[in-house]
Amino acid sequence: MNAPSWPQTVGLMRRWHGRLGPLLLLPLLNSALTGVAYRLGKDWLDLERDQVHWLMALHEGEWLGTPGKSLYVLSEALGVTWLLGTGSVLAWNRWKPKATGTKGKKIR
């Protein structure tokens, strides 16, 4: 079996990037908003830890229980890594200089 060509690989990455992105939107948005709200509540509003702990419970996925919390954090970490990696490849592929022939026409 032959390995896929670079354009096929990029197409596959684009497809999976587009499929996983929407699935990770809500968990990542939850982590971002609750993490910022927790920090600003403590630092700017001088709230006590007990007053904003519910934000940290949401942020860390404590509401899912012990095994769920670990899976939640792991899936977010792997998801962000995947989206950053594939997004970087897709951006590089879009912005890289195109190969041109001797008459200035694109080869690829």
N, C-alpha and C. Protein backbone atom coordinates (compact mmCIF):
# COMPACT_ATOMS: atom_id res chain seq x y z
N MET A 1 0.84 -1.18 0.00
CA MET A 1 0.00 0.00 0.00
C MET A 1 0.89 1.24 0.00
N ASN A 2 0.58 2.18 -0.85
CA ASN A 2 1.37 3.40 -0.95
C ASN A 2 0.96 4.41 0.11
N ALA A 3 1.94 5.17 0.55
CA ALA A 3 1.66 6.25 1.50
C ALA A 3 0.94 7.37 0.76
N PRO A 4 0.03 8.08 1.44
CA PRO A 4 -0.67 9.17 0.76
C PRO A 4 0.28 10.30 0.40
N SER A 5 -0.02 10.99 -0.67
CA SER A 5 0.79 12.13 -1.09
C SER A 5 0.56 13.29 -0.11
N TRP A 6 1.40 14.30 -0.22
CA TRP A 6 1.28 15.45 0.67
C TRP A 6 -0.08 16.14 0.51
N PRO A 7 -0.56 16.40 -0.69
CA PRO A 7 -1.89 17.01 -0.80
C PRO A 7 -3.00 16.14 -0.20
N GLN A 8 -2.89 14.82 -0.32
CA GLN A 8 -3.88 13.94 0.30
C GLN A 8 -3.80 14.01 1.82
N THR A 9 -2.58 14.08 2.34
CA THR A 9 -2.39 14.18 3.80
C THR A 9 -2.97 15.49 4.32
N VAL A 10 -2.72 16.58 3.60
CA VAL A 10 -3.26 17.88 4.01
C VAL A 10 -4.79 17.86 3.95
N GLY A 11 -5.35 17.23 2.93
CA GLY A 11 -6.80 17.12 2.84
C GLY A 11 -7.39 16.32 3.99
N LEU A 12 -6.71 15.25 4.37
CA LEU A 12 -7.16 14.44 5.50
C LEU A 12 -7.07 15.23 6.80
N MET A 13 -5.98 15.98 6.97
CA MET A 13 -5.83 16.82 8.16
C MET A 13 -6.93 17.87 8.21
N ARG A 14 -7.22 18.49 7.07
CA ARG A 14 -8.26 19.52 7.02
C ARG A 14 -9.62 18.93 7.41
N ARG A 15 -9.90 17.74 6.92
CA ARG A 15 -11.18 17.10 7.22
C ARG A 15 -11.30 16.82 8.72
N TRP A 16 -10.25 16.24 9.32
CA TRP A 16 -10.32 15.89 10.75
C TRP A 16 -10.22 17.12 11.64
N HIS A 17 -9.50 18.13 11.21
CA HIS A 17 -9.45 19.39 11.94
C HIS A 17 -10.86 20.00 12.00
N GLY A 18 -11.54 19.96 10.86
CA GLY A 18 -12.90 20.51 10.79
C GLY A 18 -13.91 19.70 11.57
N ARG A 19 -13.68 18.40 11.71
CA ARG A 19 -14.62 17.56 12.46
C ARG A 19 -14.42 17.68 13.97
N LEU A 20 -13.18 17.76 14.40
CA LEU A 20 -12.91 17.79 15.85
C LEU A 20 -13.06 19.19 16.44
N GLY A 21 -12.83 20.21 15.65
CA GLY A 21 -12.93 21.58 16.15
C GLY A 21 -14.26 21.89 16.81
N PRO A 22 -15.38 21.64 16.12
CA PRO A 22 -16.68 21.93 16.75
C PRO A 22 -16.96 21.10 18.00
N LEU A 23 -16.44 19.87 18.05
CA LEU A 23 -16.64 19.04 19.24
C LEU A 23 -15.90 19.59 20.45
N LEU A 24 -14.78 20.23 20.20
CA LEU A 24 -13.98 20.76 21.31
C LEU A 24 -14.32 22.20 21.66
N LEU A 25 -15.17 22.83 20.87
CA LEU A 25 -15.49 24.23 21.10
C LEU A 25 -16.05 24.48 22.50
N LEU A 26 -17.09 23.77 22.89
CA LEU A 26 -17.71 24.03 24.19
C LEU A 26 -16.81 23.70 25.38
N PRO A 27 -16.14 22.53 25.39
CA PRO A 27 -15.25 22.28 26.53
C PRO A 27 -14.11 23.30 26.65
N LEU A 28 -13.53 23.70 25.53
CA LEU A 28 -12.43 24.66 25.58
C LEU A 28 -12.93 26.05 25.95
N LEU A 29 -14.09 26.42 25.45
CA LEU A 29 -14.68 27.70 25.82
C LEU A 29 -15.01 27.72 27.31
N ASN A 30 -15.54 26.60 27.83
CA ASN A 30 -15.81 26.48 29.26
C ASN A 30 -14.53 26.68 30.07
N SER A 31 -13.47 26.01 29.68
CA SER A 31 -12.21 26.13 30.43
C SER A 31 -11.65 27.54 30.37
N ALA A 32 -11.71 28.14 29.20
CA ALA A 32 -11.16 29.50 29.06
C ALA A 32 -11.95 30.50 29.90
N LEU A 33 -13.26 30.47 29.77
CA LEU A 33 -14.08 31.46 30.48
C LEU A 33 -14.07 31.26 31.99
N THR A 34 -14.18 30.02 32.45
CA THR A 34 -14.20 29.79 33.90
C THR A 34 -12.82 30.04 34.51
N GLY A 35 -11.75 29.73 33.78
CA GLY A 35 -10.41 29.99 34.30
C GLY A 35 -10.15 31.48 34.45
N VAL A 36 -10.53 32.25 33.44
CA VAL A 36 -10.35 33.71 33.51
C VAL A 36 -11.24 34.31 34.59
N ALA A 37 -12.50 33.86 34.65
CA ALA A 37 -13.43 34.40 35.65
C ALA A 37 -12.93 34.10 37.07
N TYR A 38 -12.39 32.91 37.27
CA TYR A 38 -11.85 32.54 38.59
C TYR A 38 -10.70 33.47 38.97
N ARG A 39 -9.75 33.63 38.07
CA ARG A 39 -8.57 34.45 38.37
C ARG A 39 -8.95 35.91 38.59
N LEU A 40 -9.81 36.46 37.72
CA LEU A 40 -10.19 37.86 37.88
C LEU A 40 -11.06 38.07 39.11
N GLY A 41 -11.90 37.10 39.42
CA GLY A 41 -12.71 37.21 40.63
C GLY A 41 -11.86 37.28 41.89
N LYS A 42 -10.80 36.46 41.92
CA LYS A 42 -9.91 36.48 43.09
C LYS A 42 -9.04 37.73 43.10
N ASP A 43 -8.45 38.08 41.96
CA ASP A 43 -7.48 39.17 41.94
C ASP A 43 -8.11 40.56 41.90
N TRP A 44 -9.10 40.76 41.07
CA TRP A 44 -9.66 42.08 40.88
C TRP A 44 -10.83 42.38 41.81
N LEU A 45 -11.62 41.36 42.09
CA LEU A 45 -12.81 41.58 42.91
C LEU A 45 -12.58 41.19 44.37
N ASP A 46 -11.38 40.72 44.68
CA ASP A 46 -11.02 40.32 46.04
C ASP A 46 -11.99 39.31 46.64
N LEU A 47 -12.46 38.38 45.82
CA LEU A 47 -13.34 37.32 46.32
C LEU A 47 -12.49 36.23 46.95
N GLU A 48 -13.04 35.60 47.95
CA GLU A 48 -12.35 34.51 48.62
C GLU A 48 -12.42 33.25 47.77
N ARG A 49 -11.51 32.32 48.05
CA ARG A 49 -11.47 31.06 47.31
C ARG A 49 -12.79 30.33 47.39
N ASP A 50 -13.43 30.34 48.54
CA ASP A 50 -14.72 29.65 48.71
C ASP A 50 -15.83 30.25 47.85
N GLN A 51 -15.72 31.55 47.59
CA GLN A 51 -16.75 32.21 46.79
C GLN A 51 -16.64 31.88 45.30
N VAL A 52 -15.46 31.54 44.82
CA VAL A 52 -15.27 31.28 43.39
C VAL A 52 -14.85 29.84 43.10
N HIS A 53 -14.89 28.99 44.13
CA HIS A 53 -14.47 27.60 43.91
C HIS A 53 -15.36 26.89 42.89
N TRP A 54 -16.62 27.25 42.81
CA TRP A 54 -17.52 26.63 41.84
C TRP A 54 -17.02 26.84 40.41
N LEU A 55 -16.36 27.99 40.17
CA LEU A 55 -15.78 28.22 38.84
C LEU A 55 -14.63 27.25 38.57
N MET A 56 -13.82 27.00 39.58
CA MET A 56 -12.72 26.05 39.40
C MET A 56 -13.25 24.63 39.23
N ALA A 57 -14.35 24.30 39.91
CA ALA A 57 -14.95 22.98 39.73
C ALA A 57 -15.43 22.80 38.30
N LEU A 58 -16.03 23.83 37.72
CA LEU A 58 -16.43 23.78 36.31
C LEU A 58 -15.21 23.71 35.39
N HIS A 59 -14.21 24.52 35.71
CA HIS A 59 -12.99 24.61 34.90
C HIS A 59 -12.27 23.27 34.81
N GLU A 60 -12.16 22.57 35.91
CA GLU A 60 -11.41 21.31 35.96
C GLU A 60 -12.26 20.09 35.65
N GLY A 61 -13.56 20.25 35.50
CA GLY A 61 -14.43 19.11 35.20
C GLY A 61 -14.75 18.26 36.41
N GLU A 62 -14.69 18.84 37.60
CA GLU A 62 -14.98 18.07 38.83
C GLU A 62 -16.40 17.52 38.82
N TRP A 63 -17.29 18.16 38.12
CA TRP A 63 -18.69 17.73 38.05
C TRP A 63 -18.83 16.38 37.34
N LEU A 64 -17.77 15.88 36.70
CA LEU A 64 -17.81 14.59 36.01
C LEU A 64 -17.34 13.44 36.90
N GLY A 65 -16.91 13.73 38.12
CA GLY A 65 -16.37 12.69 39.00
C GLY A 65 -14.90 12.46 38.72
N THR A 66 -14.28 11.58 39.50
CA THR A 66 -12.83 11.37 39.38
C THR A 66 -12.40 10.83 38.02
N PRO A 67 -12.97 9.73 37.52
CA PRO A 67 -12.50 9.26 36.21
C PRO A 67 -12.88 10.22 35.09
N GLY A 68 -14.06 10.83 35.19
CA GLY A 68 -14.50 11.78 34.16
C GLY A 68 -13.64 13.01 34.11
N LYS A 69 -13.22 13.49 35.28
CA LYS A 69 -12.37 14.67 35.36
C LYS A 69 -11.06 14.42 34.63
N SER A 70 -10.47 13.26 34.85
CA SER A 70 -9.20 12.94 34.19
C SER A 70 -9.39 12.84 32.68
N LEU A 71 -10.46 12.20 32.24
CA LEU A 71 -10.72 12.08 30.81
C LEU A 71 -11.01 13.44 30.17
N TYR A 72 -11.71 14.30 30.90
CA TYR A 72 -12.03 15.65 30.43
C TYR A 72 -10.75 16.44 30.19
N VAL A 73 -9.87 16.43 31.18
CA VAL A 73 -8.62 17.18 31.07
C VAL A 73 -7.74 16.59 29.97
N LEU A 74 -7.65 15.26 29.91
CA LEU A 74 -6.85 14.61 28.87
C LEU A 74 -7.39 14.91 27.48
N SER A 75 -8.71 14.83 27.31
CA SER A 75 -9.28 15.09 25.99
C SER A 75 -9.08 16.54 25.57
N GLU A 76 -9.14 17.47 26.51
CA GLU A 76 -8.88 18.87 26.17
C GLU A 76 -7.42 19.07 25.77
N ALA A 77 -6.52 18.45 26.50
CA ALA A 77 -5.09 18.60 26.19
C ALA A 77 -4.77 18.00 24.82
N LEU A 78 -5.27 16.80 24.57
CA LEU A 78 -5.02 16.17 23.27
C LEU A 78 -5.71 16.95 22.15
N GLY A 79 -6.91 17.44 22.43
CA GLY A 79 -7.64 18.21 21.42
C GLY A 79 -6.94 19.49 21.04
N VAL A 80 -6.47 20.22 22.04
CA VAL A 80 -5.75 21.47 21.76
C VAL A 80 -4.46 21.18 21.00
N THR A 81 -3.75 20.15 21.41
CA THR A 81 -2.52 19.77 20.71
C THR A 81 -2.81 19.41 19.26
N TRP A 82 -3.85 18.61 19.03
CA TRP A 82 -4.23 18.23 17.66
C TRP A 82 -4.61 19.46 16.83
N LEU A 83 -5.46 20.33 17.39
CA LEU A 83 -5.90 21.50 16.64
C LEU A 83 -4.74 22.45 16.34
N LEU A 84 -3.84 22.63 17.29
CA LEU A 84 -2.67 23.48 17.04
C LEU A 84 -1.75 22.88 15.99
N GLY A 85 -1.53 21.58 16.08
CA GLY A 85 -0.66 20.91 15.12
C GLY A 85 -1.22 20.94 13.71
N THR A 86 -2.47 20.49 13.57
CA THR A 86 -3.06 20.45 12.23
C THR A 86 -3.31 21.86 11.70
N GLY A 87 -3.72 22.76 12.56
CA GLY A 87 -3.91 24.15 12.13
C GLY A 87 -2.62 24.79 11.65
N SER A 88 -1.53 24.48 12.32
CA SER A 88 -0.22 25.01 11.89
C SER A 88 0.17 24.45 10.53
N VAL A 89 -0.03 23.16 10.33
CA VAL A 89 0.28 22.55 9.03
C VAL A 89 -0.59 23.16 7.94
N LEU A 90 -1.88 23.31 8.21
CA LEU A 90 -2.78 23.88 7.22
C LEU A 90 -2.42 25.33 6.90
N ALA A 91 -2.07 26.10 7.92
CA ALA A 91 -1.67 27.49 7.69
C ALA A 91 -0.37 27.55 6.89
N TRP A 92 0.59 26.72 7.26
CA TRP A 92 1.86 26.69 6.54
C TRP A 92 1.64 26.31 5.08
N ASN A 93 0.80 25.34 4.87
CA ASN A 93 0.52 24.88 3.51
C ASN A 93 -0.15 25.99 2.68
N ARG A 94 -0.99 26.79 3.33
CA ARG A 94 -1.68 27.86 2.62
C ARG A 94 -0.75 29.03 2.31
N TRP A 95 0.15 29.36 3.23
CA TRP A 95 0.97 30.56 3.09
C TRP A 95 2.35 30.32 2.51
N LYS A 96 2.74 29.07 2.34
CA LYS A 96 4.08 28.82 1.82
C LYS A 96 4.16 29.28 0.37
N PRO A 97 5.36 29.66 -0.08
CA PRO A 97 5.51 30.09 -1.47
C PRO A 97 5.18 28.94 -2.41
N LYS A 98 4.47 29.25 -3.47
CA LYS A 98 4.11 28.24 -4.46
C LYS A 98 5.26 28.06 -5.45
N ALA A 99 5.48 26.82 -5.85
CA ALA A 99 6.52 26.54 -6.84
C ALA A 99 6.05 27.04 -8.20
N THR A 100 6.94 27.69 -8.93
CA THR A 100 6.61 28.19 -10.26
C THR A 100 7.60 27.64 -11.27
N GLY A 101 7.13 27.53 -12.49
CA GLY A 101 7.99 27.06 -13.57
C GLY A 101 8.81 28.19 -14.14
N THR A 102 9.48 27.92 -15.24
CA THR A 102 10.36 28.93 -15.84
C THR A 102 9.59 30.09 -16.44
N LYS A 103 8.30 29.90 -16.75
CA LYS A 103 7.50 30.97 -17.33
C LYS A 103 6.61 31.65 -16.29
N GLY A 104 6.86 31.38 -15.01
CA GLY A 104 6.12 32.03 -13.93
C GLY A 104 4.78 31.41 -13.63
N LYS A 105 4.46 30.28 -14.25
CA LYS A 105 3.18 29.61 -13.99
C LYS A 105 3.36 28.63 -12.82
N LYS A 106 2.29 28.50 -12.04
CA LYS A 106 2.33 27.58 -10.89
C LYS A 106 2.48 26.14 -11.38
N ILE A 107 3.34 25.40 -10.72
CA ILE A 107 3.54 24.00 -11.05
C ILE A 107 2.50 23.15 -10.33
N ARG A 108 2.25 23.44 -9.06
CA ARG A 108 1.30 22.65 -8.27
C ARG A 108 -0.05 23.32 -8.26
